Amino acid sequence: MGIIEMHGVTKRYSRGGETLTVLDRLDLVVPEGDFVALMGPSGSGKSTILNLVGGLDAADEGSISVAGLEITSLASSELPHFRARHIGFIFQAFNLVPVLTAWENVMLPLLLTPLDKAGRRKQAEFALEVVGLQDRMHHRPRQLSGGQEQRVAIARALATDPDIILADEPTGDLDRDSANAIMDLLRRLNVELKKTLLVVTHDHVAAERARRVLHLDKGVLAREVRNEAAPLAAPGTAGARGAAPAGGSASGGSGAGPRR
């Protein structure tokens, strides 16, 4: 059983009177603690998979289970809380609010958690420390480099201590050195904090950080490549510097505390 399971998933879009099948009866299982890179030509369904797993879009056919929840049966009013509890998003364009500081951007998803103001502050500061930006927390996006902006976006994705991190072309707008640093950071989140990662990329160098590389073509999985040198995070164990859960305290102890 996987933390992400997609069975017989089909997704269609209508454009200009034409129906396009983006995913065609897709089956995909991602075990807890896995690090998977999705590759393939534009239009092959990579980003659609992220949108479906994250509850941003709905499948036309099939079932999707995430963290033990059949999300195809969730009401639209339940999806924001599902995402806040289980999913962290990272986007190519960073999607930071320009008038907010790094710390304030990281605080945003915490507004959907039961943490009080002091708890949200502590959690955001810890997430920025994990990505190495504690000394930039009061800087606005325009005062940061592209690589630093993406680190803020990663801290924001990590802030609620989600089970799964979904990243859509996280290195697409970065130079090679910055891209390598971001992928090394994502790999550390997988190995040390035991996060399950599903990453869309066109970058073969970036994909080498993943445990598995799945190649899509015309809405189906065409082939799988395993990177044996990439370590797989052991499920159900805490990392050396686990992020504090959104319902608990933020600390740099030996692991993540119990969830509320």
C-alpha atoms as a PDB file:
ATOM      1  CA  MET A   1       0.000   0.000   0.000  1.00  0.00           C
ATOM      2  CA  GLY A   2       1.310   3.437  -0.886  1.00  0.00           C
ATOM      3  CA  ILE A   3       0.881   6.865   0.644  1.00  0.00           C
ATOM      4  CA  ILE A   4      -0.241   7.864  -2.873  1.00  0.00           C
ATOM      5  CA  GLU A   5      -2.343   5.461  -4.935  1.00  0.00           C
ATOM      6  CA  MET A   6      -3.938   6.212  -8.278  1.00  0.00           C
ATOM      7  CA  HIS A   7      -5.941   3.455  -9.958  1.00  0.00           C
ATOM      8  CA  GLY A   8      -7.504   3.683 -13.397  1.00  0.00           C
ATOM      9  CA  VAL A   9      -7.288   7.477 -13.361  1.00  0.00           C
ATOM     10  CA  THR A  10      -8.427   9.302 -16.480  1.00  0.00           C
ATOM     11  CA  LYS A  11      -8.419  13.074 -16.915  1.00  0.00           C
ATOM     12  CA  ARG A  12      -9.791  14.906 -19.926  1.00  0.00           C
ATOM     13  CA  TYR A  13      -9.856  18.581 -20.891  1.00  0.00           C
ATOM     14  CA  SER A  14     -11.935  20.311 -23.537  1.00  0.00           C
ATOM     15  CA  ARG A  15     -10.178  22.913 -25.675  1.00  0.00           C
ATOM     16  CA  GLY A  16     -11.663  24.577 -28.720  1.00  0.00           C
ATOM     17  CA  GLY A  17     -14.356  21.966 -29.062  1.00  0.00           C
ATOM     18  CA  GLU A  18     -11.815  19.124 -28.876  1.00  0.00           C
ATOM     19  CA  THR A  19     -11.509  16.670 -25.972  1.00  0.00           C
ATOM     20  CA  LEU A  20      -7.930  15.911 -24.908  1.00  0.00           C
ATOM     21  CA  THR A  21      -7.173  12.873 -22.767  1.00  0.00           C
ATOM     22  CA  VAL A  22      -4.262  13.952 -20.571  1.00  0.00           C
ATOM     23  CA  LEU A  23      -4.217  10.844 -18.356  1.00  0.00           C
ATOM     24  CA  ASP A  24      -5.469   7.529 -19.699  1.00  0.00           C
ATOM     25  CA  ARG A  25      -6.390   4.922 -17.049  1.00  0.00           C
ATOM     26  CA  LEU A  26      -3.228   5.673 -15.097  1.00  0.00           C
ATOM     27  CA  ASP A  27      -2.061   3.407 -12.273  1.00  0.00           C
ATOM     28  CA  LEU A  28       0.534   4.838  -9.887  1.00  0.00           C
ATOM     29  CA  VAL A  29       1.634   3.776  -6.399  1.00  0.00           C
ATOM     30  CA  VAL A  30       4.120   5.830  -4.371  1.00  0.00           C
ATOM     31  CA  PRO A  31       5.263   4.210  -1.107  1.00  0.00           C
ATOM     32  CA  GLU A  32       5.709   6.343   1.998  1.00  0.00           C
ATOM     33  CA  GLY A  33       9.194   7.884   2.049  1.00  0.00           C
ATOM     34  CA  ASP A  34       9.740   7.558  -1.707  1.00  0.00           C
ATOM     35  CA  PHE A  35      11.281  10.297  -3.878  1.00  0.00           C
ATOM     36  CA  VAL A  36       9.818  10.158  -7.389  1.00  0.00           C
ATOM     37  CA  ALA A  37      10.645  12.339 -10.385  1.00  0.00           C
ATOM     38  CA  LEU A  38       8.088  12.602 -13.186  1.00  0.00           C
ATOM     39  CA  MET A  39       9.485  13.268 -16.652  1.00  0.00           C
ATOM     40  CA  GLY A  40       8.097  13.396 -20.154  1.00  0.00           C
ATOM     41  CA  PRO A  41       7.212  15.793 -22.979  1.00  0.00           C
ATOM     42  CA  SER A  42       4.890  18.737 -22.441  1.00  0.00           C
ATOM     43  CA  GLY A  43       1.296  17.598 -22.277  1.00  0.00           C
ATOM     44  CA  SER A  44       2.164  14.087 -21.094  1.00  0.00           C
ATOM     45  CA  GLY A  45       0.241  14.547 -17.823  1.00  0.00           C
ATOM     46  CA  LYS A  46       3.035  15.246 -15.318  1.00  0.00           C
ATOM     47  CA  SER A  47       1.603  18.397 -13.751  1.00  0.00           C
ATOM     48  CA  THR A  48      -1.902  16.962 -13.964  1.00  0.00           C
ATOM     49  CA  ILE A  49      -0.811  14.168 -11.627  1.00  0.00           C
ATOM     50  CA  LEU A  50       0.395  16.733  -9.082  1.00  0.00           C
ATOM     51  CA  ASN A  51      -2.861  18.669  -9.357  1.00  0.00           C
ATOM     52  CA  LEU A  52      -4.935  15.540  -8.807  1.00  0.00           C
ATOM     53  CA  VAL A  53      -2.860  14.282  -5.871  1.00  0.00           C
ATOM     54  CA  GLY A  54      -2.985  17.729  -4.279  1.00  0.00           C
ATOM     55  CA  GLY A  55      -6.733  18.020  -4.687  1.00  0.00           C
ATOM     56  CA  LEU A  56      -6.449  21.019  -7.006  1.00  0.00           C
ATOM     57  CA  ASP A  57      -8.285  19.189  -9.776  1.00  0.00           C
ATOM     58  CA  ALA A  58     -10.638  16.212 -10.004  1.00  0.00           C
ATOM     59  CA  ALA A  59     -10.302  13.036 -12.041  1.00  0.00           C
ATOM     60  CA  ASP A  60     -12.971  12.090 -14.571  1.00  0.00           C
ATOM     61  CA  GLU A  61     -12.566   8.406 -13.796  1.00  0.00           C
ATOM     62  CA  GLY A  62     -10.695   6.240 -11.295  1.00  0.00           C
ATOM     63  CA  SER A  63      -9.725   6.463  -7.634  1.00  0.00           C
ATOM     64  CA  ILE A  64      -7.056   8.503  -5.859  1.00  0.00           C
ATOM     65  CA  SER A  65      -5.997   7.730  -2.300  1.00  0.00           C
ATOM     66  CA  VAL A  66      -3.609  10.066  -0.454  1.00  0.00           C
ATOM     67  CA  ALA A  67      -2.408   9.370   3.101  1.00  0.00           C
ATOM     68  CA  GLY A  68      -5.217   6.846   3.493  1.00  0.00           C
ATOM     69  CA  LEU A  69      -7.951   9.224   2.293  1.00  0.00           C
ATOM     70  CA  GLU A  70     -10.002   8.658  -0.849  1.00  0.00           C
ATOM     71  CA  ILE A  71      -9.798  12.268  -1.988  1.00  0.00           C
ATOM     72  CA  THR A  72     -12.161  11.791  -4.922  1.00  0.00           C
ATOM     73  CA  SER A  73     -14.956  11.548  -2.337  1.00  0.00           C
ATOM     74  CA  LEU A  74     -13.997  14.676  -0.367  1.00  0.00           C
ATOM     75  CA  ALA A  75     -16.255  17.708  -0.566  1.00  0.00           C
ATOM     76  CA  SER A  76     -14.754  20.920  -1.906  1.00  0.00           C
ATOM     77  CA  SER A  77     -15.038  22.423   1.586  1.00  0.00           C
ATOM     78  CA  GLU A  78     -12.866  19.596   2.971  1.00  0.00           C
ATOM     79  CA  LEU A  79     -10.032  19.931   0.457  1.00  0.00           C
ATOM     80  CA  PRO A  80      -8.279  23.000   1.981  1.00  0.00           C
ATOM     81  CA  HIS A  81      -7.931  21.193   5.311  1.00  0.00           C
ATOM     82  CA  PHE A  82      -6.763  18.028   3.547  1.00  0.00           C
ATOM     83  CA  ARG A  83      -4.043  20.037   1.783  1.00  0.00           C
ATOM     84  CA  ALA A  84      -3.018  21.876   4.964  1.00  0.00           C
ATOM     85  CA  ARG A  85      -2.635  18.577   6.802  1.00  0.00           C
ATOM     86  CA  HIS A  86      -1.033  16.377   4.163  1.00  0.00           C
ATOM     87  CA  ILE A  87       0.364  18.364   1.192  1.00  0.00           C
ATOM     88  CA  GLY A  88       3.101  20.933   0.650  1.00  0.00           C
ATOM     89  CA  PHE A  89       3.366  22.623  -2.756  1.00  0.00           C
ATOM     90  CA  ILE A  90       6.469  24.009  -4.486  1.00  0.00           C
ATOM     91  CA  PHE A  91       6.073  25.860  -7.799  1.00  0.00           C
ATOM     92  CA  GLN A  92       8.494  26.884 -10.547  1.00  0.00           C
ATOM     93  CA  ALA A  93       7.564  30.576 -10.221  1.00  0.00           C
ATOM     94  CA  PHE A  94       7.940  30.517  -6.391  1.00  0.00           C
ATOM     95  CA  ASN A  95       4.500  32.185  -5.943  1.00  0.00           C
ATOM     96  CA  LEU A  96       5.671  34.344  -3.043  1.00  0.00           C
ATOM     97  CA  VAL A  97       3.653  37.393  -2.011  1.00  0.00           C
ATOM     98  CA  PRO A  98       5.992  40.303  -2.915  1.00  0.00           C
ATOM     99  CA  VAL A  99       4.865  42.666  -0.126  1.00  0.00           C
ATOM    100  CA  LEU A 100       5.429  40.049   2.591  1.00  0.00           C
ATOM    101  CA  THR A 101       8.725  39.049   4.176  1.00  0.00           C
ATOM    102  CA  ALA A 102      10.105  35.528   3.879  1.00  0.00           C
ATOM    103  CA  TRP A 103       8.822  34.775   7.372  1.00  0.00           C
ATOM    104  CA  GLU A 104       5.358  36.149   6.587  1.00  0.00           C
ATOM    105  CA  ASN A 105       5.170  34.088   3.377  1.00  0.00           C
ATOM    106  CA  VAL A 106       6.019  30.932   5.297  1.00  0.00           C
ATOM    107  CA  MET A 107       3.368  31.807   7.893  1.00  0.00           C
ATOM    108  CA  LEU A 108       0.526  31.818   5.327  1.00  0.00           C
ATOM    109  CA  PRO A 109      -0.299  28.066   5.204  1.00  0.00           C
ATOM    110  CA  LEU A 110      -0.116  27.925   8.995  1.00  0.00           C
ATOM    111  CA  LEU A 111      -3.254  30.066   9.178  1.00  0.00           C
ATOM    112  CA  LEU A 112      -5.199  26.897   8.326  1.00  0.00           C
ATOM    113  CA  THR A 113      -3.762  25.019  11.318  1.00  0.00           C
ATOM    114  CA  PRO A 114      -4.873  25.069  14.973  1.00  0.00           C
ATOM    115  CA  LEU A 115      -1.634  26.752  16.055  1.00  0.00           C
ATOM    116  CA  ASP A 116      -1.873  30.058  17.910  1.00  0.00           C
ATOM    117  CA  LYS A 117       0.125  33.109  16.806  1.00  0.00           C
ATOM    118  CA  ALA A 118       3.173  32.213  18.884  1.00  0.00           C
ATOM    119  CA  GLY A 119       3.116  28.644  17.583  1.00  0.00           C
ATOM    120  CA  ARG A 120       2.868  29.807  13.974  1.00  0.00           C
ATOM    121  CA  ARG A 121       5.781  32.175  14.495  1.00  0.00           C
ATOM    122  CA  LYS A 122       7.946  29.428  15.968  1.00  0.00           C
ATOM    123  CA  GLN A 123       7.007  26.950  13.237  1.00  0.00           C
ATOM    124  CA  ALA A 124       7.784  29.431  10.440  1.00  0.00           C
ATOM    125  CA  GLU A 125      11.136  30.311  11.980  1.00  0.00           C
ATOM    126  CA  PHE A 126      12.013  26.628  12.264  1.00  0.00           C
ATOM    127  CA  ALA A 127      11.103  25.947   8.620  1.00  0.00           C
ATOM    128  CA  LEU A 128      13.328  28.830   7.499  1.00  0.00           C
ATOM    129  CA  GLU A 129      16.130  27.457   9.651  1.00  0.00           C
ATOM    130  CA  VAL A 130      15.784  24.048   7.960  1.00  0.00           C
ATOM    131  CA  VAL A 131      16.352  25.639   4.528  1.00  0.00           C
ATOM    132  CA  GLY A 132      19.207  27.824   5.812  1.00  0.00           C
ATOM    133  CA  LEU A 133      17.461  31.200   5.597  1.00  0.00           C
ATOM    134  CA  GLN A 134      17.007  32.160   9.237  1.00  0.00           C
ATOM    135  CA  ASP A 135      19.173  35.230   8.592  1.00  0.00           C
ATOM    136  CA  ARG A 136      16.926  36.323   5.690  1.00  0.00           C
ATOM    137  CA  MET A 137      13.517  35.880   7.302  1.00  0.00           C
ATOM    138  CA  HIS A 138      12.765  39.614   7.331  1.00  0.00           C
ATOM    139  CA  HIS A 139      13.744  40.145   3.682  1.00  0.00           C
ATOM    140  CA  ARG A 140      11.103  40.547   0.976  1.00  0.00           C
ATOM    141  CA  PRO A 141      11.299  38.479  -2.234  1.00  0.00           C
ATOM    142  CA  ARG A 142      12.855  41.311  -4.271  1.00  0.00           C
ATOM    143  CA  GLN A 143      15.744  41.351  -1.785  1.00  0.00           C
ATOM    144  CA  LEU A 144      16.504  37.656  -2.366  1.00  0.00           C
ATOM    145  CA  SER A 145      18.168  35.717  -5.159  1.00  0.00           C
ATOM    146  CA  GLY A 146      16.178  33.213  -7.212  1.00  0.00           C
ATOM    147  CA  GLY A 147      17.647  30.317  -5.274  1.00  0.00           C
ATOM    148  CA  GLN A 148      16.793  31.992  -1.974  1.00  0.00           C
ATOM    149  CA  GLU A 149      13.226  32.645  -3.143  1.00  0.00           C
ATOM    150  CA  GLN A 150      12.814  28.960  -3.929  1.00  0.00           C
ATOM    151  CA  ARG A 151      14.163  28.102  -0.486  1.00  0.00           C
ATOM    152  CA  VAL A 152      11.480  30.311   1.027  1.00  0.00           C
ATOM    153  CA  ALA A 153       8.916  28.442  -1.089  1.00  0.00           C
ATOM    154  CA  ILE A 154      10.287  25.129   0.209  1.00  0.00           C
ATOM    155  CA  ALA A 155      10.082  26.409   3.792  1.00  0.00           C
ATOM    156  CA  ARG A 156       6.466  27.404   3.144  1.00  0.00           C
ATOM    157  CA  ALA A 157       5.733  23.892   1.822  1.00  0.00           C
ATOM    158  CA  LEU A 158       7.415  22.374   4.877  1.00  0.00           C
ATOM    159  CA  ALA A 159       5.855  24.656   7.494  1.00  0.00           C
ATOM    160  CA  THR A 160       2.765  22.555   8.237  1.00  0.00           C
ATOM    161  CA  ASP A 161       4.837  19.343   8.415  1.00  0.00           C
ATOM    162  CA  PRO A 162       2.993  17.653   5.511  1.00  0.00           C
ATOM    163  CA  ASP A 163       3.344  13.982   4.659  1.00  0.00           C
ATOM    164  CA  ILE A 164       3.902  14.743   0.974  1.00  0.00           C
ATOM    165  CA  ILE A 165       5.671  17.501  -0.939  1.00  0.00           C
ATOM    166  CA  LEU A 166       4.619  18.121  -4.544  1.00  0.00           C
ATOM    167  CA  ALA A 167       7.075  20.146  -6.634  1.00  0.00           C
ATOM    168  CA  ASP A 168       6.342  21.358 -10.178  1.00  0.00           C
ATOM    169  CA  GLU A 169       9.571  22.249 -12.010  1.00  0.00           C
ATOM    170  CA  PRO A 170      11.230  23.547  -8.810  1.00  0.00           C
ATOM    171  CA  THR A 171      14.499  24.283 -10.631  1.00  0.00           C
ATOM    172  CA  GLY A 172      13.039  25.560 -13.913  1.00  0.00           C
ATOM    173  CA  ASP A 173      13.864  29.236 -13.298  1.00  0.00           C
ATOM    174  CA  LEU A 174      17.262  28.671 -11.664  1.00  0.00           C
ATOM    175  CA  ASP A 175      20.869  28.498 -12.856  1.00  0.00           C
ATOM    176  CA  ARG A 176      22.710  25.195 -12.619  1.00  0.00           C
ATOM    177  CA  ASP A 177      24.380  25.818  -9.260  1.00  0.00           C
ATOM    178  CA  SER A 178      21.159  27.054  -7.657  1.00  0.00           C
ATOM    179  CA  ALA A 179      19.225  24.158  -9.193  1.00  0.00           C
ATOM    180  CA  ASN A 180      21.683  21.631  -7.779  1.00  0.00           C
ATOM    181  CA  ALA A 181      21.444  23.241  -4.346  1.00  0.00           C
ATOM    182  CA  ILE A 182      17.633  23.095  -4.411  1.00  0.00           C
ATOM    183  CA  MET A 183      17.581  19.436  -5.457  1.00  0.00           C
ATOM    184  CA  ASP A 184      20.127  18.597  -2.753  1.00  0.00           C
ATOM    185  CA  LEU A 185      17.834  20.309  -0.247  1.00  0.00           C
ATOM    186  CA  LEU A 186      14.810  18.334  -1.467  1.00  0.00           C
ATOM    187  CA  ARG A 187      16.793  15.130  -1.187  1.00  0.00           C
ATOM    188  CA  ARG A 188      17.712  16.067   2.387  1.00  0.00           C
ATOM    189  CA  LEU A 189      14.033  16.606   3.217  1.00  0.00           C
ATOM    190  CA  ASN A 190      13.405  13.094   1.924  1.00  0.00           C
ATOM    191  CA  VAL A 191      16.311  11.406   3.687  1.00  0.00           C
ATOM    192  CA  GLU A 192      16.396  13.326   6.981  1.00  0.00           C
ATOM    193  CA  LEU A 193      12.794  14.451   7.475  1.00  0.00           C
ATOM    194  CA  LYS A 194      11.258  11.415   5.758  1.00  0.00           C
ATOM    195  CA  LYS A 195       9.044  13.449   3.435  1.00  0.00           C
ATOM    196  CA  THR A 196       7.528  11.713   0.412  1.00  0.00           C
ATOM    197  CA  LEU A 197       8.416  13.751  -2.685  1.00  0.00           C
ATOM    198  CA  LEU A 198       6.760  13.816  -6.092  1.00  0.00           C
ATOM    199  CA  VAL A 199       8.667  16.164  -8.420  1.00  0.00           C
ATOM    200  CA  VAL A 200       7.926  17.162 -12.017  1.00  0.00           C
ATOM    201  CA  THR A 201      11.042  18.101 -13.959  1.00  0.00           C
ATOM    202  CA  HIS A 202      12.505  18.297 -17.460  1.00  0.00           C
ATOM    203  CA  ASP A 203      16.006  18.388 -15.953  1.00  0.00           C
ATOM    204  CA  HIS A 204      17.810  15.034 -16.147  1.00  0.00           C
ATOM    205  CA  VAL A 205      20.488  16.204 -13.698  1.00  0.00           C
ATOM    206  CA  ALA A 206      17.796  17.150 -11.164  1.00  0.00           C
ATOM    207  CA  ALA A 207      16.007  13.837 -11.677  1.00  0.00           C
ATOM    208  CA  GLU A 208      19.144  11.954 -10.648  1.00  0.00           C
ATOM    209  CA  ARG A 209      18.471  13.030  -7.033  1.00  0.00           C
ATOM    210  CA  ALA A 210      15.235  11.014  -7.026  1.00  0.00           C
ATOM    211  CA  ARG A 211      14.924   7.376  -6.066  1.00  0.00           C
ATOM    212  CA  ARG A 212      12.704   6.617  -9.066  1.00  0.00           C
ATOM    213  CA  VAL A 213      12.212   8.389 -12.381  1.00  0.00           C
ATOM    214  CA  LEU A 214       8.882   7.736 -14.092  1.00  0.00           C
ATOM    215  CA  HIS A 215       8.608   8.681 -17.767  1.00  0.00           C
ATOM    216  CA  LEU A 216       5.150   9.573 -19.049  1.00  0.00           C
ATOM    217  CA  ASP A 217       4.015   9.674 -22.656  1.00  0.00           C
ATOM    218  CA  LYS A 218       0.502  10.518 -23.858  1.00  0.00           C
ATOM    219  CA  GLY A 219      -1.018  10.075 -20.425  1.00  0.00           C
ATOM    220  CA  VAL A 220       0.450   6.681 -19.548  1.00  0.00           C
ATOM    221  CA  LEU A 221       3.558   5.529 -17.702  1.00  0.00           C
ATOM    222  CA  ALA A 222       5.991   4.520 -20.417  1.00  0.00           C
ATOM    223  CA  ARG A 223       8.943   3.373 -18.319  1.00  0.00           C
ATOM    224  CA  GLU A 224      10.590   3.537 -14.904  1.00  0.00           C
ATOM    225  CA  VAL A 225      14.257   4.074 -14.051  1.00  0.00           C
ATOM    226  CA  ARG A 226      15.626   3.439 -10.561  1.00  0.00           C
ATOM    227  CA  ASN A 227      18.531   5.484  -9.237  1.00  0.00           C
ATOM    228  CA  GLU A 228      20.051   2.916  -6.941  1.00  0.00           C
ATOM    229  CA  ALA A 229      22.555   5.398  -5.517  1.00  0.00           C
ATOM    230  CA  ALA A 230      19.760   7.653  -4.244  1.00  0.00           C
ATOM    231  CA  PRO A 231      18.858   6.664  -0.651  1.00  0.00           C
ATOM    232  CA  LEU A 232      15.221   5.932   0.161  1.00  0.00           C
ATOM    233  CA  ALA A 233      13.789   7.458   3.330  1.00  0.00           C
ATOM    234  CA  ALA A 234      12.581   4.842   5.787  1.00  0.00           C
ATOM    235  CA  PRO A 235       8.848   5.306   6.418  1.00  0.00           C
ATOM    236  CA  GLY A 236       7.534   5.957   9.889  1.00  0.00           C
ATOM    237  CA  THR A 237      10.802   7.127  11.449  1.00  0.00           C
ATOM    238  CA  ALA A 238      11.794  10.610  12.495  1.00  0.00           C
ATOM    239  CA  GLY A 239      14.691  12.455  10.942  1.00  0.00           C
ATOM    240  CA  ALA A 240      17.632  13.953  12.742  1.00  0.00           C
ATOM    241  CA  ARG A 241      16.006  17.360  12.521  1.00  0.00           C
ATOM    242  CA  GLY A 242      12.322  16.631  11.953  1.00  0.00           C
ATOM    243  CA  ALA A 243       9.995  19.565  11.427  1.00  0.00           C
ATOM    244  CA  ALA A 244       7.589  20.049  14.285  1.00  0.00           C
ATOM    245  CA  PRO A 245       4.006  19.111  13.428  1.00  0.00           C
ATOM    246  CA  ALA A 246       1.537  21.896  12.871  1.00  0.00           C
ATOM    247  CA  GLY A 247      -0.457  20.867  15.898  1.00  0.00           C
ATOM    248  CA  GLY A 248       2.542  20.524  18.205  1.00  0.00           C
ATOM    249  CA  SER A 249       5.636  22.444  19.165  1.00  0.00           C
ATOM    250  CA  ALA A 250       8.492  23.482  16.898  1.00  0.00           C
ATOM    251  CA  SER A 251      11.786  22.197  18.161  1.00  0.00           C
ATOM    252  CA  GLY A 252      15.058  20.971  16.765  1.00  0.00           C
ATOM    253  CA  GLY A 253      15.032  17.758  18.735  1.00  0.00           C
ATOM    254  CA  SER A 254      15.565  14.202  17.658  1.00  0.00           C
ATOM    255  CA  GLY A 255      12.360  13.951  15.690  1.00  0.00           C
ATOM    256  CA  ALA A 256       8.915  15.191  14.931  1.00  0.00           C
ATOM    257  CA  GLY A 257       6.511  15.239  17.835  1.00  0.00           C
ATOM    258  CA  PRO A 258       3.089  13.630  17.863  1.00  0.00           C
ATOM    259  CA  ARG A 259       0.446  15.076  15.581  1.00  0.00           C
ATOM    260  CA  ARG A 260      -2.713  16.607  17.025  1.00  0.00           C
END
